[in-house]
Protein backbone atom coordinates (compact mmCIF):
# COMPACT_ATOMS: atom_id res chain seq x y z
CA MET A 1 0.00 0.00 0.00
CA ALA A 2 2.91 2.34 0.64
CA LEU A 3 3.85 2.17 -3.04
CA LYS A 4 0.56 3.52 -4.27
CA LYS A 5 0.32 6.10 -1.47
CA ALA A 6 3.77 7.43 -2.33
CA ILE A 7 3.04 7.74 -6.04
CA ILE A 8 -0.53 8.98 -5.89
CA GLY A 9 0.35 12.39 -4.50
CA VAL A 10 2.53 13.30 -7.47
CA LEU A 11 0.30 11.78 -10.13
CA ALA A 12 -2.96 13.07 -8.69
CA LEU A 13 -1.56 16.60 -8.77
CA LEU A 14 -0.46 16.12 -12.37
CA ALA A 15 -3.87 14.81 -13.39
CA LEU A 16 -5.78 17.46 -11.44
CA GLY A 17 -3.53 20.19 -12.78
CA GLY A 18 -4.13 19.02 -16.33
CA LEU A 19 -7.89 18.96 -15.80
CA LEU A 20 -8.00 22.43 -14.26
CA ALA A 21 -5.79 23.81 -17.02
CA TYR A 22 -8.10 22.30 -19.61
CA GLN A 23 -11.20 23.75 -17.96
CA LEU A 24 -9.78 27.23 -17.30
CA ARG A 25 -7.55 27.86 -20.28
CA GLY A 26 -9.32 25.69 -22.82
CA ARG A 27 -12.47 27.80 -22.68
CA ASP A 28 -10.48 30.86 -23.74
CA ALA A 29 -8.57 29.14 -26.54
CA ALA A 30 -9.11 30.58 -29.99
CA VAL A 31 -11.01 28.30 -32.35
CA ALA A 32 -11.50 28.55 -36.05
CA ALA A 33 -14.80 29.74 -37.44
CA ASP A 34 -17.30 27.05 -38.42
CA GLY A 35 -16.13 25.33 -41.58
CA ALA A 36 -12.68 26.96 -41.50
CA LEU A 37 -9.40 25.14 -40.97
CA PRO A 38 -6.96 26.26 -38.28
CA LYS A 39 -4.04 28.44 -39.32
CA THR A 40 -1.54 26.10 -37.69
CA LEU A 41 -1.28 22.45 -36.69
CA THR A 42 1.15 21.77 -33.84
CA ILE A 43 2.88 18.47 -33.07
CA ALA A 44 4.90 18.06 -29.87
CA SER A 45 7.69 15.53 -29.46
CA ILE A 46 10.76 14.87 -27.37
CA ALA A 47 13.69 16.75 -28.95
CA TYR A 48 17.43 17.10 -28.47
CA PRO A 49 19.95 19.76 -29.48
CA TYR A 50 22.15 18.62 -32.36
CA LYS A 51 24.63 20.84 -34.20
CA GLY A 52 22.85 23.99 -33.15
CA GLN A 53 19.38 22.74 -34.08
CA GLN A 54 16.61 20.61 -32.61
CA THR A 55 16.38 16.97 -33.67
CA TYR A 56 13.22 15.10 -32.78
CA ALA A 57 12.79 11.57 -31.50
CA GLY A 58 11.39 8.68 -33.51
CA LEU A 59 9.09 9.04 -36.49
CA THR A 60 8.66 12.79 -35.99
CA GLN A 61 12.19 13.46 -37.25
CA THR A 62 11.58 11.21 -40.25
CA ILE A 63 8.43 13.18 -41.07
CA ILE A 64 10.35 16.44 -40.87
CA ALA A 65 13.05 15.08 -43.19
CA GLN A 66 10.53 13.77 -45.71
CA GLY A 67 8.60 17.03 -45.85
CA TRP A 68 5.43 15.32 -47.11
CA LEU A 69 3.22 16.35 -44.21
CA LYS A 70 4.33 19.98 -44.35
CA ASP A 71 3.55 20.13 -48.07
CA ARG A 72 0.15 18.46 -47.74
CA LEU A 73 -0.96 20.83 -45.00
CA ALA A 74 0.42 23.88 -46.83
CA LYS A 75 -1.84 23.06 -49.79
CA LYS A 76 -4.76 23.47 -47.41
CA GLY A 77 -3.43 26.71 -46.01
CA VAL A 78 -2.36 25.16 -42.70
CA GLU A 79 1.13 25.76 -41.31
CA LEU A 80 2.85 22.77 -39.68
CA VAL A 81 4.57 23.62 -36.39
CA PHE A 82 6.74 21.27 -34.34
CA PHE A 83 6.99 21.90 -30.61
CA PRO A 84 10.25 20.58 -29.09
CA VAL A 85 10.00 19.08 -25.61
CA PRO A 86 13.21 18.54 -23.62
CA THR A 87 13.53 15.05 -22.16
CA ALA A 88 14.01 16.58 -18.71
CA VAL A 89 10.36 17.70 -18.61
CA GLY A 90 8.75 15.30 -21.08
CA GLY A 91 5.25 14.04 -20.39
CA PRO A 92 4.14 16.69 -17.86
CA LEU A 93 4.91 19.51 -20.31
CA ILE A 94 3.06 17.73 -23.12
CA ASN A 95 0.07 17.14 -20.85
CA GLU A 96 0.01 20.85 -20.06
CA GLY A 97 0.16 21.60 -23.78
CA PHE A 98 -2.80 19.34 -24.48
CA ALA A 99 -4.77 20.73 -21.55
CA GLY A 100 -4.15 24.32 -22.62
CA LYS A 101 -4.88 23.52 -26.30
CA ARG A 102 -1.44 24.76 -27.28
CA ILE A 103 -0.67 21.51 -29.12
CA ASP A 104 -2.83 19.32 -31.34
CA PHE A 105 -0.78 16.11 -31.52
CA ALA A 106 2.09 14.63 -29.55
CA SER A 107 4.35 11.65 -29.84
CA TYR A 108 4.89 10.60 -26.24
CA GLY A 109 4.57 7.86 -23.67
CA ASP A 110 1.71 5.70 -22.42
CA PHE A 111 2.04 6.52 -18.72
CA PRO A 112 1.73 10.32 -18.88
CA ALA A 113 -1.03 9.93 -21.47
CA ILE A 114 -2.98 7.70 -19.09
CA ILE A 115 -2.47 10.28 -16.32
CA ALA A 116 -3.86 13.04 -18.55
CA ALA A 117 -6.81 10.95 -19.72
CA SER A 118 -7.65 9.96 -16.16
CA GLY A 119 -7.58 13.63 -15.18
CA GLY A 120 -10.14 14.55 -17.83
CA VAL A 121 -8.00 15.74 -20.75
CA PRO A 122 -9.75 14.31 -23.86
CA LEU A 123 -6.96 12.39 -25.56
CA LYS A 124 -7.17 10.01 -28.51
CA LEU A 125 -4.48 7.54 -29.51
CA VAL A 126 -4.51 7.77 -33.30
CA VAL A 127 -1.37 5.92 -34.49
CA PRO A 128 0.34 3.13 -32.51
CA VAL A 129 4.09 2.72 -32.90
CA GLY A 130 5.84 -0.61 -32.62
CA ARG A 131 6.42 -2.97 -29.73
CA GLY A 132 7.58 -0.71 -26.93
CA GLN A 133 10.82 0.69 -25.57
CA ASN A 134 13.17 -0.82 -23.03
CA ALA A 135 14.02 0.50 -19.59
CA TYR A 136 17.09 -0.39 -17.53
CA LEU A 137 18.15 -0.58 -13.90
CA ILE A 138 21.81 0.36 -13.53
CA VAL A 139 23.88 0.43 -10.35
CA ARG A 140 26.94 2.55 -9.64
CA LYS A 141 30.42 1.28 -10.26
CA GLY A 142 31.67 -1.04 -7.53
CA LEU A 143 28.29 -1.71 -5.92
CA ALA A 144 27.79 -5.42 -5.23
CA ALA A 145 24.15 -5.72 -6.23
CA ASN A 146 22.60 -8.10 -8.74
CA SER A 147 18.88 -7.53 -8.30
CA ILE A 148 16.34 -4.98 -7.22
CA ALA A 149 16.06 -6.80 -3.89
CA ASP A 150 19.78 -6.18 -3.28
CA LEU A 151 19.07 -2.44 -3.43
CA LYS A 152 16.76 -2.28 -0.42
CA GLY A 153 17.60 0.80 1.62
CA LYS A 154 19.73 2.22 -1.19
CA ARG A 155 19.40 5.53 -3.07
CA ILE A 156 17.64 5.07 -6.42
CA ALA A 157 17.01 7.90 -8.87
CA LEU A 158 13.63 7.73 -10.62
CA HIS A 159 12.07 10.60 -12.53
CA ARG A 160 8.48 10.47 -11.32
CA GLY A 161 5.51 10.61 -13.69
CA ARG A 162 7.57 9.55 -16.71
CA PRO A 163 6.72 6.50 -18.87
CA TRP A 164 9.45 4.33 -17.37
CA GLU A 165 8.00 4.68 -13.88
CA LEU A 166 5.40 2.05 -14.73
CA PRO A 167 7.87 -0.81 -15.50
CA PHE A 168 9.77 0.17 -12.35
CA SER A 169 6.58 -0.07 -10.34
CA LYS A 170 5.83 -3.47 -11.87
CA LEU A 171 9.36 -4.65 -11.09
CA LEU A 172 8.89 -3.74 -7.43
CA ASP A 173 5.45 -5.31 -7.29
CA ALA A 174 6.66 -8.58 -8.85
CA ASN A 175 9.37 -8.83 -6.21
CA GLY A 176 7.16 -7.97 -3.24
CA LEU A 177 8.79 -4.58 -2.76
CA GLU A 178 7.52 -1.01 -2.31
CA LEU A 179 8.92 2.45 -2.89
CA SER A 180 9.32 2.83 0.86
CA ASP A 181 11.92 0.04 0.76
CA PHE A 182 14.28 2.47 -1.00
CA LYS A 183 15.45 6.07 -0.83
CA ILE A 184 13.82 7.34 -4.02
CA LEU A 185 15.24 10.55 -5.51
CA ASN A 186 12.95 12.29 -8.01
CA ILE A 187 15.49 13.77 -10.42
CA ASN A 188 15.51 14.03 -14.21
CA PRO A 189 17.68 11.83 -16.47
CA PRO A 190 20.57 14.28 -17.02
CA ALA A 191 20.90 14.90 -13.28
CA SER A 192 20.55 11.23 -12.42
CA ARG A 193 23.22 10.24 -14.93
CA ALA A 194 25.63 12.72 -13.37
CA ALA A 195 24.74 11.55 -9.86
CA LEU A 196 25.42 7.92 -10.72
CA ALA A 197 28.74 8.74 -12.37
CA SER A 198 29.83 10.69 -9.28
CA GLY A 199 28.65 7.97 -6.90
CA ASP A 200 26.08 10.20 -5.19
CA ILE A 201 23.34 7.61 -5.80
CA ASP A 202 23.42 3.83 -5.81
CA ALA A 203 21.22 3.14 -8.82
CA VAL A 204 19.02 4.77 -11.43
CA PHE A 205 16.14 3.57 -13.60
CA LEU A 206 16.55 4.93 -17.14
CA LEU A 207 15.95 4.28 -20.81
CA SER A 208 18.81 3.53 -23.22
CA ASP A 209 20.99 6.22 -21.62
CA ALA A 210 21.76 3.54 -19.03
CA ILE A 211 23.66 1.69 -21.76
CA LEU A 212 25.83 4.74 -22.34
CA LEU A 213 26.62 4.93 -18.62
CA GLU A 214 27.64 1.28 -18.66
CA GLN A 215 29.79 1.74 -21.77
CA LYS A 216 31.55 4.64 -20.05
CA GLY A 217 32.24 2.48 -17.01
CA ALA A 218 30.07 4.53 -14.65
CA GLY A 219 27.82 1.64 -13.71
CA ARG A 220 26.49 -1.81 -14.44
CA ILE A 221 23.07 -2.77 -15.79
CA ILE A 222 21.55 -5.48 -13.62
CA TRP A 223 18.04 -5.68 -15.12
CA SER A 224 16.08 -4.53 -18.14
CA THR A 225 12.65 -5.03 -19.69
CA LYS A 226 14.34 -7.26 -22.25
CA THR A 227 14.10 -10.02 -19.65
CA ALA A 228 10.58 -9.12 -18.48
CA PRO A 229 7.17 -9.88 -20.00
CA ALA A 230 6.84 -7.97 -23.28
CA ASP A 231 3.90 -6.03 -21.86
CA TRP A 232 6.13 -4.38 -19.24
CA LYS A 233 7.79 -2.16 -21.82
CA MET A 234 6.79 1.46 -22.06
CA ARG A 235 5.20 2.60 -25.29
CA ALA A 236 5.20 5.91 -27.14
CA GLU A 237 2.49 6.60 -29.72
CA LEU A 238 0.89 9.47 -31.61
CA PHE A 239 -1.83 11.04 -29.48
CA ALA A 240 -4.21 13.84 -30.42
CA ARG A 241 -6.65 16.15 -28.67
CA GLY A 242 -10.09 14.61 -28.95
CA ASP A 243 -11.75 17.93 -29.74
CA PHE A 244 -9.28 18.54 -32.59
CA VAL A 245 -9.93 15.06 -34.01
CA ASP A 246 -13.69 15.60 -33.91
CA ARG A 247 -13.48 19.05 -35.46
CA TYR A 248 -10.84 18.31 -38.13
CA PRO A 249 -10.99 14.62 -39.12
CA GLU A 250 -9.54 15.42 -42.57
CA LEU A 251 -6.42 17.00 -41.06
CA THR A 252 -6.14 14.17 -38.54
CA GLN A 253 -6.16 11.69 -41.42
CA ILE A 254 -3.37 13.57 -43.20
CA VAL A 255 -1.25 13.46 -40.03
CA ALA A 256 -1.97 9.76 -39.56
CA ASP A 257 -1.00 9.07 -43.17
CA ALA A 258 2.31 10.85 -42.59
CA TYR A 259 3.15 8.80 -39.50
CA VAL A 260 2.26 5.52 -41.19
CA ARG A 261 4.37 6.53 -44.22
CA ALA A 262 7.28 7.27 -41.89
CA ALA A 263 6.77 3.96 -40.07
CA HIS A 264 6.87 2.04 -43.36
CA TRP A 265 10.03 3.81 -44.51
CA SER A 266 11.72 3.18 -41.17
CA SER A 267 10.78 -0.50 -41.22
CA LEU A 268 12.50 -1.23 -44.54
CA PRO A 269 15.74 -3.21 -44.01
CA GLU A 270 17.65 -0.92 -46.37
CA ASN A 271 16.84 2.07 -44.12
CA ARG A 272 17.88 0.44 -40.85
CA LYS A 273 21.29 2.10 -40.81
CA ALA A 274 19.78 5.54 -41.44
CA VAL A 275 17.18 5.02 -38.69
CA ILE A 276 19.86 4.05 -36.18
CA GLU A 277 22.07 6.99 -37.15
CA GLU A 278 19.08 9.33 -36.81
CA ALA A 279 18.34 7.96 -33.33
CA ALA A 280 21.99 8.46 -32.39
CA ARG A 281 21.98 12.20 -32.98
CA GLY A 282 22.95 14.31 -30.01
CA ASP A 283 24.96 12.62 -27.27
CA THR A 284 23.80 9.05 -27.98
CA PRO A 285 26.43 6.92 -29.77
CA VAL A 286 25.36 4.48 -32.48
CA SER A 287 26.62 1.64 -30.27
CA VAL A 288 24.01 2.54 -27.62
CA VAL A 289 21.14 2.45 -30.12
CA GLU A 290 22.36 -0.83 -31.58
CA THR A 291 22.60 -2.40 -28.12
CA ASP A 292 19.14 -1.16 -27.19
CA TYR A 293 17.68 -2.57 -30.42
CA ASP A 294 19.50 -5.89 -30.00
CA GLU A 295 16.51 -7.96 -28.97
CA PRO A 296 15.68 -11.10 -30.99
CA ARG A 297 12.07 -11.28 -29.83
CA VAL A 298 11.25 -8.00 -31.65
CA ALA A 299 11.57 -8.07 -35.45
CA TRP A 300 12.79 -4.88 -37.12
CA ARG A 301 9.55 -4.41 -39.05
CA ASP A 302 7.46 -4.83 -35.91
CA ARG A 303 9.33 -1.99 -34.18
CA PHE A 304 7.27 0.38 -36.32
CA SER A 305 3.94 -1.43 -36.55
CA PRO A 306 0.96 0.99 -36.55
CA LEU A 307 -1.59 -1.77 -35.93
CA PHE A 308 -4.23 -1.74 -33.22
CA ASP A 309 -3.65 -5.46 -32.75
CA ASP A 310 -4.21 -7.65 -29.70
CA PHE A 311 -0.75 -6.95 -28.35
CA MET A 312 -1.14 -3.19 -28.49
CA VAL A 313 -4.71 -3.09 -27.16
CA ARG A 314 -3.90 -5.48 -24.34
CA HIS A 315 -0.99 -3.28 -23.32
CA TYR A 316 -3.21 -0.26 -22.78
CA GLN A 317 -5.81 -2.33 -20.99
CA SER A 318 -3.02 -3.58 -18.74
CA VAL A 319 -1.77 -0.03 -18.09
CA ALA A 320 -5.29 1.22 -17.34
CA ASP A 321 -6.00 -1.70 -15.01
CA TYR A 322 -2.65 -1.53 -13.25
CA THR A 323 -2.55 2.22 -12.69
CA PHE A 324 -6.06 2.20 -11.25
CA ALA A 325 -5.62 -0.95 -9.14
CA GLN A 326 -2.40 0.44 -7.65
CA GLY A 327 -4.00 3.81 -6.95
CA LEU A 328 -1.70 5.60 -9.38
CA VAL A 329 -4.72 7.34 -10.94
CA ARG A 330 -8.06 8.16 -9.32
CA ARG A 331 -10.27 7.34 -12.29
CA LYS A 332 -9.81 4.26 -14.46
CA VAL A 333 -9.26 5.16 -18.09
CA ASP A 334 -11.72 3.80 -20.64
CA VAL A 335 -9.34 2.20 -23.15
CA ASP A 336 -12.02 1.81 -25.82
CA ALA A 337 -12.63 5.56 -25.66
CA LEU A 338 -8.89 6.32 -25.70
CA LEU A 339 -8.05 4.26 -28.79
CA ASP A 340 -9.30 5.79 -32.03
CA ARG A 341 -8.69 3.13 -34.65
CA ARG A 342 -10.15 4.99 -37.63
CA PHE A 343 -7.18 6.96 -38.87
CA ALA A 344 -4.31 4.45 -38.76
CA THR A 345 -6.59 1.83 -40.33
CA GLN A 346 -7.54 4.21 -43.14
CA ALA A 347 -3.91 5.28 -43.58
CA LEU A 348 -2.90 1.68 -44.26
CA LYS A 349 -5.55 1.54 -46.98
CA ASN A 350 -4.66 4.95 -48.40
CA LEU A 351 -1.00 3.99 -48.71
CA GLY A 352 -1.50 0.39 -49.86
CA PHE A 353 0.05 -1.16 -46.75
CA ASP A 354 -2.94 -3.30 -45.71
CA ASP A 355 -0.94 -6.54 -45.63
CA TYR A 356 2.51 -5.17 -44.84
CA TRP A 357 2.31 -5.59 -41.05
CA GLN A 358 0.82 -8.68 -39.47
CA PRO A 359 -1.00 -8.60 -36.12
CA THR A 360 0.98 -9.84 -33.15
CA ARG A 361 -0.88 -12.00 -30.69
CA VAL A 362 1.20 -12.55 -27.59
CA GLN A 363 0.06 -14.92 -24.91
CA THR A 364 -0.17 -13.47 -21.43
CA GLU A 365 3.15 -13.98 -19.67
CA ALA A 366 3.46 -14.58 -15.97
CA ALA A 367 5.35 -11.84 -14.19
CA PRO A 368 8.71 -13.08 -12.87
CA ALA A 369 8.59 -13.57 -9.13
CA ILE A 370 12.35 -13.16 -8.90
CA THR A 371 14.32 -10.48 -10.70
CA ALA A 372 16.17 -11.73 -13.78
CA VAL A 373 19.80 -10.70 -14.12
CA ASN A 374 21.42 -10.64 -17.55
CA GLY A 375 18.71 -12.91 -18.88
CA ALA A 376 19.17 -15.63 -16.24
CA PRO A 377 16.88 -16.08 -13.21
CA ARG A 378 18.52 -15.68 -9.87
CA SER A 379 18.43 -18.70 -7.60
């Protein structure tokens, strides 16, 4: 019970803040006249500085490079605007943008999206993306720990309210542990990486930046979602404001077409090298991306699947059930209302990709009772 009590304070404030912002600021937001299209369409995404410019994560950068979406919208008199979101603030800033109607679409994670939806922000998931992203538990150099249980009483950095908090919560739950068993430090990834390297914390739960820390000799990865049930991974999809979708379905379809086009291009074997190099912009070496992607159970094509298949739907049902059961949100999210299947399905038809991706049906996996280390169960 201590786990959910510790988390609920932060997440309830985020959800309530998003709802109040939507109610107070949304009513004053400018809307186009009946029948008119908006002057701009804004897409938010995690972004990084690279050679004096912003480079965006995932399919958003591919869309920018291709230029197709910008051209299609320009023909309708709509300007395409990309809103860069630093990784240090991530989901909370995007939720504020949705609530205040300052953004129309966002490519971001499942956990903050569930928080926003639970708080009353009318989100729609319009294009799924792939099979999830891995998270890693890394301990500082020289620490004799091989499992999460070995870290009881230790200092662990965890950026609260971010997508990777959910797999961390599931890891604790599967091992009979609670947040109160550790000294949790709520600090963002850049600060937590520095703290681990300096030895000021004992462990940190991160995304692929944990691999970079290990390669630099600052720590050792003792667990990752690669060894967990596939459903434990965090996901990042294309979400949209529900009121925008309802008001401008034609524009929503154009955006969905662009993301499915980008997913198809990225999934082609001949573009794998370019996709990896694009993901390695900024301070992430190619070797880190390659190590993160090195997972035989996920085919390259499936990393970009835009299908609302059993695997994807079950994931969001699992997230909705888990966050509510653990008290991480106050209102259970209606997954059927959250998932808007129309646009990705139509995009596949529009682009002739109906049979390109095949649905993935994954049997429910039992959560490991004992933390796995380097792929092998601990005895």
